[in-house]
Amino acid sequence: MDNNNLHEITTDNNVPHCSAGRSDPVDRSSTAGWIDEVCALLADRGHRYVLYSLAEADESSISCTRLLELANAIQEAGSSADEAGPRISEAELHHKHLPRLEAAGVIEYDRREETVRYHETTPLRTWLDHARYTETGTLPNE
């Protein structure tokens, strides 16, 4: 299956899509490389909760403070006391999660303004929604 077919299959699922007019930030030079990148992002609990928050946010740009609040709220709401991991700290957000997501091309991180702009793609959103539903039992804005 080529990369265009992968995109067509995932867009047939009618998953919401906000990247009109933008090219996909995740490199699709190979299907395997793209899947590896998405799986690497989703393998980290903190990355997932930051991505869940970005997918749920209504703003085109969100403050790091608000992003951190959303990520920790989603984590707490979707986890039992036994499963809940540690809250994401401000230091982790700024020094681990945001730089990694920016390196993957999923976000633009303005360190000076402390804001984040999310570059959603339908294939990423599809995988993200599956992960969120499996992990928390909810989808964005439920």
N, C-alpha and C. Protein backbone atom coordinates (compact mmCIF):
# COMPACT_ATOMS: atom_id res chain seq x y z
N MET A 1 0.86 -1.17 0.00
CA MET A 1 0.00 0.00 0.00
C MET A 1 0.90 1.23 0.00
N ASP A 2 0.61 2.18 -0.85
CA ASP A 2 1.41 3.40 -0.86
C ASP A 2 0.84 4.42 0.11
N ASN A 3 1.59 5.51 0.34
CA ASN A 3 1.19 6.51 1.32
C ASN A 3 -0.12 7.18 0.97
N ASN A 4 -0.41 7.36 -0.31
CA ASN A 4 -1.67 7.99 -0.68
C ASN A 4 -2.86 7.12 -0.29
N ASN A 5 -2.73 5.79 -0.46
CA ASN A 5 -3.80 4.90 -0.04
C ASN A 5 -4.00 4.93 1.46
N LEU A 6 -2.93 5.01 2.22
CA LEU A 6 -3.03 5.09 3.67
C LEU A 6 -3.85 6.32 4.05
N HIS A 7 -3.58 7.42 3.42
CA HIS A 7 -4.31 8.66 3.69
C HIS A 7 -5.78 8.51 3.31
N GLU A 8 -6.05 7.91 2.18
CA GLU A 8 -7.43 7.73 1.73
C GLU A 8 -8.20 6.83 2.68
N ILE A 9 -7.59 5.76 3.14
CA ILE A 9 -8.28 4.85 4.05
C ILE A 9 -8.65 5.57 5.33
N THR A 10 -7.73 6.32 5.90
CA THR A 10 -8.01 6.96 7.18
C THR A 10 -8.98 8.12 7.03
N THR A 11 -8.98 8.80 5.90
CA THR A 11 -9.93 9.89 5.74
C THR A 11 -11.34 9.37 5.49
N ASP A 12 -11.49 8.14 5.04
CA ASP A 12 -12.82 7.57 4.86
C ASP A 12 -13.55 7.34 6.18
N ASN A 13 -12.82 7.39 7.30
CA ASN A 13 -13.42 7.16 8.60
C ASN A 13 -14.13 8.38 9.14
N ASN A 14 -14.18 9.48 8.38
CA ASN A 14 -14.84 10.71 8.78
C ASN A 14 -14.34 11.27 10.10
N VAL A 15 -13.06 11.11 10.36
CA VAL A 15 -12.47 11.68 11.57
C VAL A 15 -12.26 13.17 11.32
N PRO A 16 -12.59 14.04 12.29
CA PRO A 16 -12.41 15.48 12.11
C PRO A 16 -10.99 15.83 11.69
N HIS A 17 -10.84 16.85 10.91
CA HIS A 17 -9.57 17.17 10.27
C HIS A 17 -9.42 18.68 10.20
N CYS A 18 -8.32 19.22 10.73
CA CYS A 18 -8.14 20.67 10.79
C CYS A 18 -6.97 21.16 9.95
N SER A 19 -6.39 20.33 9.12
CA SER A 19 -5.17 20.73 8.44
C SER A 19 -5.38 21.13 7.00
N ALA A 20 -6.54 21.66 6.68
CA ALA A 20 -6.82 22.07 5.31
C ALA A 20 -5.78 23.06 4.82
N GLY A 21 -5.25 22.80 3.66
CA GLY A 21 -4.28 23.70 3.06
C GLY A 21 -2.86 23.50 3.54
N ARG A 22 -2.63 22.60 4.49
CA ARG A 22 -1.29 22.35 4.99
C ARG A 22 -0.82 20.98 4.51
N SER A 23 0.46 20.85 4.35
CA SER A 23 0.99 19.53 4.06
C SER A 23 1.13 18.80 5.39
N ASP A 24 1.08 17.49 5.36
CA ASP A 24 1.22 16.72 6.59
C ASP A 24 2.61 16.92 7.16
N PRO A 25 2.73 17.29 8.45
CA PRO A 25 4.04 17.51 9.03
C PRO A 25 4.82 16.23 9.28
N VAL A 26 4.13 15.08 9.47
CA VAL A 26 4.83 13.83 9.67
C VAL A 26 5.35 13.36 8.32
N ASP A 27 6.64 13.04 8.26
CA ASP A 27 7.26 12.62 7.01
C ASP A 27 6.65 11.31 6.54
N ARG A 28 6.13 11.32 5.32
CA ARG A 28 5.51 10.13 4.76
C ARG A 28 6.36 9.55 3.64
N SER A 29 7.67 9.69 3.74
CA SER A 29 8.51 9.16 2.67
C SER A 29 8.39 7.65 2.60
N SER A 30 8.02 7.03 3.69
CA SER A 30 7.70 5.60 3.66
C SER A 30 6.60 5.35 4.67
N THR A 31 5.73 4.43 4.35
CA THR A 31 4.64 4.10 5.27
C THR A 31 5.20 3.59 6.58
N ALA A 32 6.21 2.74 6.52
CA ALA A 32 6.80 2.18 7.74
C ALA A 32 7.42 3.29 8.59
N GLY A 33 8.09 4.25 7.96
CA GLY A 33 8.69 5.36 8.71
C GLY A 33 7.65 6.22 9.38
N TRP A 34 6.55 6.46 8.68
CA TRP A 34 5.46 7.25 9.24
C TRP A 34 4.83 6.54 10.43
N ILE A 35 4.57 5.24 10.28
CA ILE A 35 3.97 4.46 11.37
C ILE A 35 4.92 4.42 12.56
N ASP A 36 6.21 4.23 12.32
CA ASP A 36 7.20 4.22 13.40
C ASP A 36 7.17 5.53 14.18
N GLU A 37 7.09 6.65 13.46
CA GLU A 37 7.08 7.96 14.11
C GLU A 37 5.83 8.15 14.97
N VAL A 38 4.67 7.82 14.43
CA VAL A 38 3.42 7.96 15.18
C VAL A 38 3.43 7.05 16.40
N CYS A 39 3.88 5.81 16.22
CA CYS A 39 3.92 4.88 17.35
C CYS A 39 4.92 5.34 18.42
N ALA A 40 6.04 5.91 18.01
CA ALA A 40 7.01 6.43 18.98
C ALA A 40 6.40 7.57 19.79
N LEU A 41 5.65 8.44 19.13
CA LEU A 41 5.00 9.54 19.84
C LEU A 41 3.95 9.01 20.82
N LEU A 42 3.16 8.05 20.37
CA LEU A 42 2.08 7.52 21.20
C LEU A 42 2.58 6.57 22.29
N ALA A 43 3.80 6.09 22.17
CA ALA A 43 4.35 5.17 23.18
C ALA A 43 4.65 5.87 24.50
N ASP A 44 4.83 7.17 24.47
CA ASP A 44 5.13 7.93 25.68
C ASP A 44 3.84 8.50 26.26
N ARG A 45 3.54 8.15 27.50
CA ARG A 45 2.28 8.59 28.13
C ARG A 45 2.15 10.11 28.13
N GLY A 46 3.18 10.81 28.46
CA GLY A 46 3.12 12.28 28.49
C GLY A 46 2.87 12.87 27.11
N HIS A 47 3.55 12.33 26.10
CA HIS A 47 3.31 12.80 24.73
C HIS A 47 1.84 12.60 24.37
N ARG A 48 1.29 11.40 24.71
CA ARG A 48 -0.10 11.12 24.39
C ARG A 48 -1.04 12.14 25.03
N TYR A 49 -0.85 12.42 26.31
CA TYR A 49 -1.77 13.34 26.98
C TYR A 49 -1.63 14.77 26.48
N VAL A 50 -0.46 15.15 26.08
CA VAL A 50 -0.29 16.48 25.45
C VAL A 50 -1.03 16.48 24.11
N LEU A 51 -0.89 15.42 23.33
CA LEU A 51 -1.59 15.33 22.04
C LEU A 51 -3.10 15.26 22.24
N TYR A 52 -3.58 14.50 23.23
CA TYR A 52 -5.01 14.47 23.51
C TYR A 52 -5.53 15.88 23.78
N SER A 53 -4.77 16.63 24.54
CA SER A 53 -5.17 17.99 24.91
C SER A 53 -5.19 18.91 23.70
N LEU A 54 -4.19 18.80 22.85
CA LEU A 54 -4.15 19.63 21.65
C LEU A 54 -5.32 19.30 20.73
N ALA A 55 -5.65 18.02 20.61
CA ALA A 55 -6.76 17.61 19.75
C ALA A 55 -8.09 18.12 20.30
N GLU A 56 -8.18 18.27 21.62
CA GLU A 56 -9.43 18.72 22.24
C GLU A 56 -9.57 20.24 22.28
N ALA A 57 -8.45 20.94 22.31
CA ALA A 57 -8.49 22.40 22.44
C ALA A 57 -9.18 23.04 21.23
N ASP A 58 -9.97 24.04 21.51
CA ASP A 58 -10.70 24.72 20.44
C ASP A 58 -9.88 25.83 19.78
N GLU A 59 -8.83 26.26 20.43
CA GLU A 59 -8.02 27.38 19.92
C GLU A 59 -7.02 26.90 18.88
N SER A 60 -6.65 27.79 17.97
CA SER A 60 -5.61 27.44 16.99
C SER A 60 -4.24 27.48 17.64
N SER A 61 -4.11 28.27 18.70
CA SER A 61 -2.88 28.37 19.47
C SER A 61 -3.27 28.32 20.94
N ILE A 62 -2.52 27.57 21.74
CA ILE A 62 -2.87 27.40 23.15
C ILE A 62 -1.65 27.73 24.00
N SER A 63 -1.89 28.33 25.16
CA SER A 63 -0.79 28.65 26.06
C SER A 63 -0.28 27.36 26.70
N CYS A 64 0.98 27.35 27.04
CA CYS A 64 1.57 26.17 27.67
C CYS A 64 0.90 25.89 29.01
N THR A 65 0.51 26.94 29.73
CA THR A 65 -0.17 26.77 31.01
C THR A 65 -1.49 26.04 30.82
N ARG A 66 -2.28 26.47 29.85
CA ARG A 66 -3.58 25.84 29.57
C ARG A 66 -3.38 24.41 29.07
N LEU A 67 -2.39 24.20 28.23
CA LEU A 67 -2.09 22.87 27.71
C LEU A 67 -1.77 21.91 28.85
N LEU A 68 -0.96 22.35 29.79
CA LEU A 68 -0.60 21.52 30.94
C LEU A 68 -1.83 21.19 31.79
N GLU A 69 -2.68 22.18 32.01
CA GLU A 69 -3.92 21.96 32.77
C GLU A 69 -4.79 20.91 32.08
N LEU A 70 -4.98 21.05 30.78
CA LEU A 70 -5.80 20.09 30.02
C LEU A 70 -5.21 18.69 30.05
N ALA A 71 -3.92 18.58 29.84
CA ALA A 71 -3.27 17.27 29.80
C ALA A 71 -3.43 16.55 31.13
N ASN A 72 -3.21 17.24 32.22
CA ASN A 72 -3.33 16.60 33.54
C ASN A 72 -4.79 16.30 33.87
N ALA A 73 -5.72 17.14 33.46
CA ALA A 73 -7.15 16.89 33.71
C ALA A 73 -7.62 15.66 32.94
N ILE A 74 -7.21 15.53 31.68
CA ILE A 74 -7.60 14.37 30.87
C ILE A 74 -7.01 13.10 31.48
N GLN A 75 -5.76 13.18 31.92
CA GLN A 75 -5.11 12.01 32.52
C GLN A 75 -5.84 11.59 33.79
N GLU A 76 -6.18 12.54 34.65
CA GLU A 76 -6.86 12.22 35.90
C GLU A 76 -8.27 11.68 35.65
N ALA A 77 -8.98 12.26 34.70
CA ALA A 77 -10.35 11.84 34.41
C ALA A 77 -10.42 10.45 33.79
N GLY A 78 -9.41 10.08 33.03
CA GLY A 78 -9.45 8.82 32.31
C GLY A 78 -8.75 7.66 32.98
N SER A 79 -8.23 7.88 34.19
CA SER A 79 -7.46 6.84 34.87
C SER A 79 -8.05 6.54 36.23
N SER A 80 -8.00 5.27 36.59
CA SER A 80 -8.36 4.92 37.96
C SER A 80 -7.18 5.28 38.86
N ALA A 81 -7.38 5.28 40.15
CA ALA A 81 -6.31 5.62 41.08
C ALA A 81 -5.11 4.69 40.93
N ASP A 82 -5.38 3.42 40.58
CA ASP A 82 -4.29 2.45 40.40
C ASP A 82 -3.50 2.70 39.13
N GLU A 83 -4.15 3.22 38.08
CA GLU A 83 -3.52 3.39 36.78
C GLU A 83 -2.90 4.76 36.57
N ALA A 84 -3.34 5.75 37.32
CA ALA A 84 -2.90 7.13 37.09
C ALA A 84 -1.39 7.24 37.25
N GLY A 85 -0.76 7.76 36.23
CA GLY A 85 0.67 8.01 36.30
C GLY A 85 0.90 9.36 36.96
N PRO A 86 2.15 9.71 37.12
CA PRO A 86 2.43 11.02 37.71
C PRO A 86 1.96 12.14 36.79
N ARG A 87 1.55 13.25 37.41
CA ARG A 87 1.14 14.41 36.63
C ARG A 87 2.32 14.90 35.80
N ILE A 88 2.03 15.50 34.66
CA ILE A 88 3.07 16.09 33.82
C ILE A 88 3.49 17.40 34.48
N SER A 89 4.76 17.56 34.69
CA SER A 89 5.27 18.79 35.31
C SER A 89 5.53 19.84 34.23
N GLU A 90 5.62 21.07 34.66
CA GLU A 90 5.92 22.16 33.72
C GLU A 90 7.29 21.93 33.07
N ALA A 91 8.25 21.46 33.86
CA ALA A 91 9.59 21.19 33.31
C ALA A 91 9.54 20.09 32.25
N GLU A 92 8.78 19.02 32.51
CA GLU A 92 8.65 17.95 31.52
C GLU A 92 8.01 18.46 30.24
N LEU A 93 6.97 19.27 30.40
CA LEU A 93 6.28 19.81 29.23
C LEU A 93 7.26 20.59 28.36
N HIS A 94 8.01 21.50 28.98
CA HIS A 94 8.89 22.40 28.23
C HIS A 94 10.17 21.74 27.73
N HIS A 95 10.67 20.76 28.47
CA HIS A 95 11.98 20.20 28.12
C HIS A 95 11.94 18.80 27.51
N LYS A 96 10.80 18.13 27.61
CA LYS A 96 10.69 16.78 27.04
C LYS A 96 9.61 16.70 25.97
N HIS A 97 8.36 16.95 26.35
CA HIS A 97 7.24 16.67 25.46
C HIS A 97 7.16 17.65 24.28
N LEU A 98 7.19 18.94 24.55
CA LEU A 98 7.06 19.91 23.45
C LEU A 98 8.22 19.84 22.47
N PRO A 99 9.48 19.74 22.94
CA PRO A 99 10.57 19.62 21.94
C PRO A 99 10.46 18.37 21.07
N ARG A 100 10.01 17.25 21.66
CA ARG A 100 9.88 16.02 20.89
C ARG A 100 8.76 16.13 19.85
N LEU A 101 7.63 16.70 20.27
CA LEU A 101 6.52 16.87 19.33
C LEU A 101 6.86 17.87 18.23
N GLU A 102 7.64 18.89 18.59
CA GLU A 102 8.07 19.86 17.58
C GLU A 102 9.05 19.21 16.59
N ALA A 103 9.95 18.39 17.09
CA ALA A 103 10.91 17.71 16.21
C ALA A 103 10.19 16.78 15.23
N ALA A 104 9.06 16.24 15.65
CA ALA A 104 8.27 15.35 14.77
C ALA A 104 7.42 16.15 13.79
N GLY A 105 7.38 17.47 13.95
CA GLY A 105 6.61 18.31 13.04
C GLY A 105 5.13 18.38 13.36
N VAL A 106 4.74 17.93 14.54
CA VAL A 106 3.34 17.89 14.92
C VAL A 106 2.88 19.22 15.49
N ILE A 107 3.80 19.98 16.07
CA ILE A 107 3.46 21.27 16.67
C ILE A 107 4.49 22.32 16.29
N GLU A 108 4.11 23.58 16.50
CA GLU A 108 5.04 24.70 16.52
C GLU A 108 5.03 25.19 17.96
N TYR A 109 6.20 25.27 18.55
CA TYR A 109 6.35 25.66 19.95
C TYR A 109 7.06 27.00 20.01
N ASP A 110 6.37 28.03 20.44
CA ASP A 110 6.95 29.37 20.58
C ASP A 110 7.40 29.53 22.03
N ARG A 111 8.69 29.35 22.25
CA ARG A 111 9.24 29.38 23.61
C ARG A 111 9.12 30.77 24.24
N ARG A 112 9.25 31.80 23.43
CA ARG A 112 9.19 33.16 23.96
C ARG A 112 7.77 33.51 24.42
N GLU A 113 6.79 33.18 23.61
CA GLU A 113 5.39 33.46 23.95
C GLU A 113 4.75 32.36 24.80
N GLU A 114 5.44 31.22 24.91
CA GLU A 114 4.94 30.04 25.62
C GLU A 114 3.57 29.61 25.09
N THR A 115 3.53 29.44 23.77
CA THR A 115 2.32 28.97 23.11
C THR A 115 2.65 27.80 22.19
N VAL A 116 1.64 27.04 21.87
CA VAL A 116 1.78 25.86 21.01
C VAL A 116 0.69 25.91 19.96
N ARG A 117 1.07 25.62 18.73
CA ARG A 117 0.13 25.50 17.62
C ARG A 117 0.23 24.06 17.11
N TYR A 118 -0.91 23.39 17.06
CA TYR A 118 -1.00 21.97 16.68
C TYR A 118 -1.25 21.84 15.19
N HIS A 119 -0.51 20.93 14.54
CA HIS A 119 -0.69 20.64 13.12
C HIS A 119 -1.31 19.25 13.00
N GLU A 120 -2.61 19.21 13.07
CA GLU A 120 -3.31 17.94 13.03
C GLU A 120 -3.38 17.40 11.61
N THR A 121 -3.21 16.10 11.49
CA THR A 121 -3.41 15.41 10.23
C THR A 121 -4.42 14.30 10.49
N THR A 122 -5.15 13.94 9.49
CA THR A 122 -6.16 12.91 9.66
C THR A 122 -5.56 11.57 10.10
N PRO A 123 -4.48 11.10 9.48
CA PRO A 123 -3.93 9.82 9.95
C PRO A 123 -3.46 9.88 11.41
N LEU A 124 -2.80 10.96 11.81
CA LEU A 124 -2.37 11.08 13.20
C LEU A 124 -3.58 11.12 14.11
N ARG A 125 -4.59 11.88 13.74
CA ARG A 125 -5.80 12.01 14.57
C ARG A 125 -6.50 10.66 14.72
N THR A 126 -6.51 9.86 13.66
CA THR A 126 -7.14 8.54 13.73
C THR A 126 -6.45 7.67 14.77
N TRP A 127 -5.14 7.60 14.72
CA TRP A 127 -4.37 6.80 15.68
C TRP A 127 -4.53 7.37 17.09
N LEU A 128 -4.51 8.69 17.20
CA LEU A 128 -4.63 9.36 18.48
C LEU A 128 -6.00 9.08 19.11
N ASP A 129 -7.06 9.16 18.31
CA ASP A 129 -8.40 8.88 18.82
C ASP A 129 -8.52 7.43 19.28
N HIS A 130 -7.94 6.50 18.53
CA HIS A 130 -7.95 5.09 18.96
C HIS A 130 -7.23 4.92 20.29
N ALA A 131 -6.06 5.53 20.42
CA ALA A 131 -5.30 5.43 21.66
C ALA A 131 -6.08 6.05 22.83
N ARG A 132 -6.65 7.22 22.60
CA ARG A 132 -7.38 7.89 23.69
C ARG A 132 -8.59 7.06 24.12
N TYR A 133 -9.35 6.56 23.17
CA TYR A 133 -10.53 5.79 23.53
C TYR A 133 -10.13 4.53 24.30
N THR A 134 -9.08 3.86 23.85
CA THR A 134 -8.60 2.65 24.52
C THR A 134 -8.11 2.96 25.92
N GLU A 135 -7.41 4.06 26.07
CA GLU A 135 -6.80 4.41 27.35
C GLU A 135 -7.77 5.05 28.34
N THR A 136 -8.65 5.91 27.86
CA THR A 136 -9.50 6.68 28.78
C THR A 136 -10.98 6.37 28.65
N GLY A 137 -11.38 5.73 27.56
CA GLY A 137 -12.80 5.48 27.32
C GLY A 137 -13.56 6.68 26.81
N THR A 138 -12.84 7.75 26.45
CA THR A 138 -13.48 8.96 25.94
C THR A 138 -12.83 9.38 24.64
N LEU A 139 -13.56 10.22 23.92
CA LEU A 139 -13.03 10.89 22.74
C LEU A 139 -13.06 12.37 23.01
N PRO A 140 -12.34 13.18 22.22
CA PRO A 140 -12.33 14.63 22.46
C PRO A 140 -13.73 15.21 22.52
N ASN A 141 -13.88 16.16 23.43
CA ASN A 141 -15.13 16.92 23.60
C ASN A 141 -16.32 16.06 23.97
N GLU A 142 -16.08 14.94 24.63
CA GLU A 142 -17.21 14.11 25.11
C GLU A 142 -17.56 14.51 26.51
